[in-house]
Amino acid sequence: MIQLERVSLTRGSFSLREIDLTIKQGEHFFIIGPSGSGKTLLLETIAGIHPDAEGRILINGKDMENVPPEKRGLSLMYQDYSLPPPHCCRKYYIWPEDPGHSATRNLQGNRKPRF
């Protein structure tokens, strides 16, 4: 479960103000709105990219204050991604194509990648 309690953040002239939101386990939730309405800022705040946000963010009941992004157990994928030229998923999995890269070894070894 993800809970936001009075989450606020200002960047330049734009502000998220006292956002309250609860997303229960198993729910599918969509954040939609026009360009510049704060969708990305809100998701980045939940992911921990903006630690100066006010209010509380709880993930599975645990307060995320001082929890870095890599420890939150979340992923964030931007709509306008900046990746190398289009390839299939398998190509991204082994990019960069370095024989010593762990993902490359997984494809060459006994284990197969799971997509």
C-alpha atoms as a PDB file:
ATOM      1  CA  MET A   1       0.000   0.000   0.000  1.00  0.00           C
ATOM      2  CA  ILE A   2       1.148   3.541  -0.745  1.00  0.00           C
ATOM      3  CA  GLN A   3      -0.154   6.376   1.410  1.00  0.00           C
ATOM      4  CA  LEU A   4       0.490  10.090   1.044  1.00  0.00           C
ATOM      5  CA  GLU A   5      -0.437  12.345   3.915  1.00  0.00           C
ATOM      6  CA  ARG A   6      -0.405  16.095   3.240  1.00  0.00           C
ATOM      7  CA  VAL A   7       2.531  15.802   0.821  1.00  0.00           C
ATOM      8  CA  SER A   8       3.720  19.167  -0.486  1.00  0.00           C
ATOM      9  CA  LEU A   9       6.644  20.163  -2.690  1.00  0.00           C
ATOM     10  CA  THR A  10       7.549  23.315  -4.589  1.00  0.00           C
ATOM     11  CA  ARG A  11       9.777  23.493  -7.656  1.00  0.00           C
ATOM     12  CA  GLY A  12      10.100  26.968  -9.121  1.00  0.00           C
ATOM     13  CA  SER A  13       6.646  28.466  -9.509  1.00  0.00           C
ATOM     14  CA  PHE A  14       4.905  25.055  -9.377  1.00  0.00           C
ATOM     15  CA  SER A  15       3.683  23.402  -6.180  1.00  0.00           C
ATOM     16  CA  LEU A  16       2.116  20.152  -5.105  1.00  0.00           C
ATOM     17  CA  ARG A  17      -0.022  21.132  -2.129  1.00  0.00           C
ATOM     18  CA  GLU A  18      -1.125  18.841   0.669  1.00  0.00           C
ATOM     19  CA  ILE A  19      -1.735  15.730  -1.432  1.00  0.00           C
ATOM     20  CA  ASP A  20      -3.600  12.954   0.389  1.00  0.00           C
ATOM     21  CA  LEU A  21      -3.756   9.646  -1.453  1.00  0.00           C
ATOM     22  CA  THR A  22      -4.121   5.965  -0.605  1.00  0.00           C
ATOM     23  CA  ILE A  23      -3.376   3.220  -3.114  1.00  0.00           C
ATOM     24  CA  LYS A  24      -4.282  -0.155  -1.646  1.00  0.00           C
ATOM     25  CA  GLN A  25      -2.442  -3.400  -2.286  1.00  0.00           C
ATOM     26  CA  GLY A  26      -3.531  -4.874  -5.629  1.00  0.00           C
ATOM     27  CA  GLU A  27      -5.152  -1.664  -6.900  1.00  0.00           C
ATOM     28  CA  HIS A  28      -4.308  -0.275 -10.315  1.00  0.00           C
ATOM     29  CA  PHE A  29      -4.070   3.473 -10.131  1.00  0.00           C
ATOM     30  CA  PHE A  30      -3.606   5.982 -12.940  1.00  0.00           C
ATOM     31  CA  ILE A  31      -2.411   9.554 -12.583  1.00  0.00           C
ATOM     32  CA  ILE A  32      -3.554  11.569 -15.570  1.00  0.00           C
ATOM     33  CA  GLY A  33      -3.526  15.251 -16.396  1.00  0.00           C
ATOM     34  CA  PRO A  34      -2.212  17.814 -18.834  1.00  0.00           C
ATOM     35  CA  SER A  35       1.466  18.505 -19.350  1.00  0.00           C
ATOM     36  CA  GLY A  36       2.893  20.459 -16.429  1.00  0.00           C
ATOM     37  CA  SER A  37       0.230  19.418 -13.926  1.00  0.00           C
ATOM     38  CA  GLY A  38       2.669  17.659 -11.566  1.00  0.00           C
ATOM     39  CA  LYS A  39       2.252  13.979 -12.451  1.00  0.00           C
ATOM     40  CA  THR A  40       5.976  13.321 -12.788  1.00  0.00           C
ATOM     41  CA  LEU A  41       6.839  15.436  -9.755  1.00  0.00           C
ATOM     42  CA  LEU A  42       4.361  13.448  -7.661  1.00  0.00           C
ATOM     43  CA  LEU A  43       5.738  10.087  -8.820  1.00  0.00           C
ATOM     44  CA  GLU A  44       9.332  11.233  -8.289  1.00  0.00           C
ATOM     45  CA  THR A  45       8.387  12.371  -4.781  1.00  0.00           C
ATOM     46  CA  ILE A  46       6.871   8.975  -3.958  1.00  0.00           C
ATOM     47  CA  ALA A  47       9.997   7.292  -5.342  1.00  0.00           C
ATOM     48  CA  GLY A  48      12.199   9.429  -3.070  1.00  0.00           C
ATOM     49  CA  ILE A  49      13.902  11.564  -5.700  1.00  0.00           C
ATOM     50  CA  HIS A  50      12.803  14.734  -3.878  1.00  0.00           C
ATOM     51  CA  PRO A  51      13.640  14.118  -0.213  1.00  0.00           C
ATOM     52  CA  ASP A  52      12.789  17.710   0.717  1.00  0.00           C
ATOM     53  CA  ALA A  53       9.053  17.103   0.257  1.00  0.00           C
ATOM     54  CA  GLU A  54       6.882  17.865   3.265  1.00  0.00           C
ATOM     55  CA  GLY A  55       4.263  15.503   4.652  1.00  0.00           C
ATOM     56  CA  ARG A  56       4.431  11.733   5.020  1.00  0.00           C
ATOM     57  CA  ILE A  57       4.901   8.990   2.469  1.00  0.00           C
ATOM     58  CA  LEU A  58       4.224   5.471   3.710  1.00  0.00           C
ATOM     59  CA  ILE A  59       4.887   2.300   1.748  1.00  0.00           C
ATOM     60  CA  ASN A  60       3.354  -0.829   3.262  1.00  0.00           C
ATOM     61  CA  GLY A  61       2.896   1.092   6.501  1.00  0.00           C
ATOM     62  CA  LYS A  62       6.552   2.172   6.773  1.00  0.00           C
ATOM     63  CA  ASP A  63       7.357   5.884   6.850  1.00  0.00           C
ATOM     64  CA  MET A  64       9.761   6.681   4.001  1.00  0.00           C
ATOM     65  CA  GLU A  65      11.367   9.715   5.649  1.00  0.00           C
ATOM     66  CA  ASN A  66      15.143   9.346   5.212  1.00  0.00           C
ATOM     67  CA  VAL A  67      14.709   6.171   3.116  1.00  0.00           C
ATOM     68  CA  PRO A  68      16.675   6.578  -0.144  1.00  0.00           C
ATOM     69  CA  PRO A  69      15.061   5.746  -3.513  1.00  0.00           C
ATOM     70  CA  GLU A  70      16.980   2.488  -3.965  1.00  0.00           C
ATOM     71  CA  LYS A  71      15.623   1.151  -0.638  1.00  0.00           C
ATOM     72  CA  ARG A  72      11.936   1.883  -1.291  1.00  0.00           C
ATOM     73  CA  GLY A  73      11.173  -1.147  -3.456  1.00  0.00           C
ATOM     74  CA  LEU A  74       9.621   0.968  -6.220  1.00  0.00           C
ATOM     75  CA  SER A  75      10.353   1.558  -9.879  1.00  0.00           C
ATOM     76  CA  LEU A  76       9.683   4.637 -11.957  1.00  0.00           C
ATOM     77  CA  MET A  77       9.610   4.618 -15.752  1.00  0.00           C
ATOM     78  CA  TYR A  78       9.263   7.889 -17.581  1.00  0.00           C
ATOM     79  CA  GLN A  79       6.906   8.144 -20.535  1.00  0.00           C
ATOM     80  CA  ASP A  80       9.548   9.950 -22.599  1.00  0.00           C
ATOM     81  CA  TYR A  81      12.439   7.593 -22.025  1.00  0.00           C
ATOM     82  CA  SER A  82      15.993   8.363 -23.077  1.00  0.00           C
ATOM     83  CA  LEU A  83      17.355   5.008 -24.125  1.00  0.00           C
ATOM     84  CA  PRO A  84      19.570   3.862 -26.962  1.00  0.00           C
ATOM     85  CA  PRO A  85      17.913   3.318 -30.369  1.00  0.00           C
ATOM     86  CA  PRO A  86      14.934   0.939 -30.305  1.00  0.00           C
ATOM     87  CA  HIS A  87      15.725  -2.729 -29.793  1.00  0.00           C
ATOM     88  CA  CYS A  88      13.769  -5.667 -28.512  1.00  0.00           C
ATOM     89  CA  CYS A  89      13.593  -6.272 -24.776  1.00  0.00           C
ATOM     90  CA  ARG A  90      16.321  -8.931 -25.026  1.00  0.00           C
ATOM     91  CA  LYS A  91      18.696  -6.361 -26.561  1.00  0.00           C
ATOM     92  CA  TYR A  92      18.092  -3.949 -23.654  1.00  0.00           C
ATOM     93  CA  TYR A  93      18.599  -6.738 -21.169  1.00  0.00           C
ATOM     94  CA  ILE A  94      22.161  -7.372 -22.381  1.00  0.00           C
ATOM     95  CA  TRP A  95      23.072  -3.748 -23.145  1.00  0.00           C
ATOM     96  CA  PRO A  96      25.922  -2.855 -22.963  1.00  0.00           C
ATOM     97  CA  GLU A  97      27.195  -5.895 -24.820  1.00  0.00           C
ATOM     98  CA  ASP A  98      30.108  -6.643 -22.562  1.00  0.00           C
ATOM     99  CA  PRO A  99      31.064 -10.304 -22.015  1.00  0.00           C
ATOM    100  CA  GLY A 100      31.807  -9.474 -18.380  1.00  0.00           C
ATOM    101  CA  HIS A 101      28.454  -7.758 -17.774  1.00  0.00           C
ATOM    102  CA  SER A 102      26.275  -9.845 -15.444  1.00  0.00           C
ATOM    103  CA  ALA A 103      23.227  -9.612 -17.721  1.00  0.00           C
ATOM    104  CA  THR A 104      25.286 -10.920 -20.666  1.00  0.00           C
ATOM    105  CA  ARG A 105      26.549 -13.807 -18.530  1.00  0.00           C
ATOM    106  CA  ASN A 106      22.957 -14.654 -17.594  1.00  0.00           C
ATOM    107  CA  LEU A 107      22.073 -15.060 -21.283  1.00  0.00           C
ATOM    108  CA  GLN A 108      25.185 -17.145 -21.975  1.00  0.00           C
ATOM    109  CA  GLY A 109      24.938 -19.234 -18.819  1.00  0.00           C
ATOM    110  CA  ASN A 110      22.378 -21.777 -17.694  1.00  0.00           C
ATOM    111  CA  ARG A 111      19.822 -19.254 -16.526  1.00  0.00           C
ATOM    112  CA  LYS A 112      17.480 -17.562 -18.987  1.00  0.00           C
ATOM    113  CA  PRO A 113      16.228 -14.025 -18.475  1.00  0.00           C
ATOM    114  CA  ARG A 114      12.660 -13.660 -17.334  1.00  0.00           C
ATOM    115  CA  PHE A 115      10.692 -10.838 -18.935  1.00  0.00           C
END
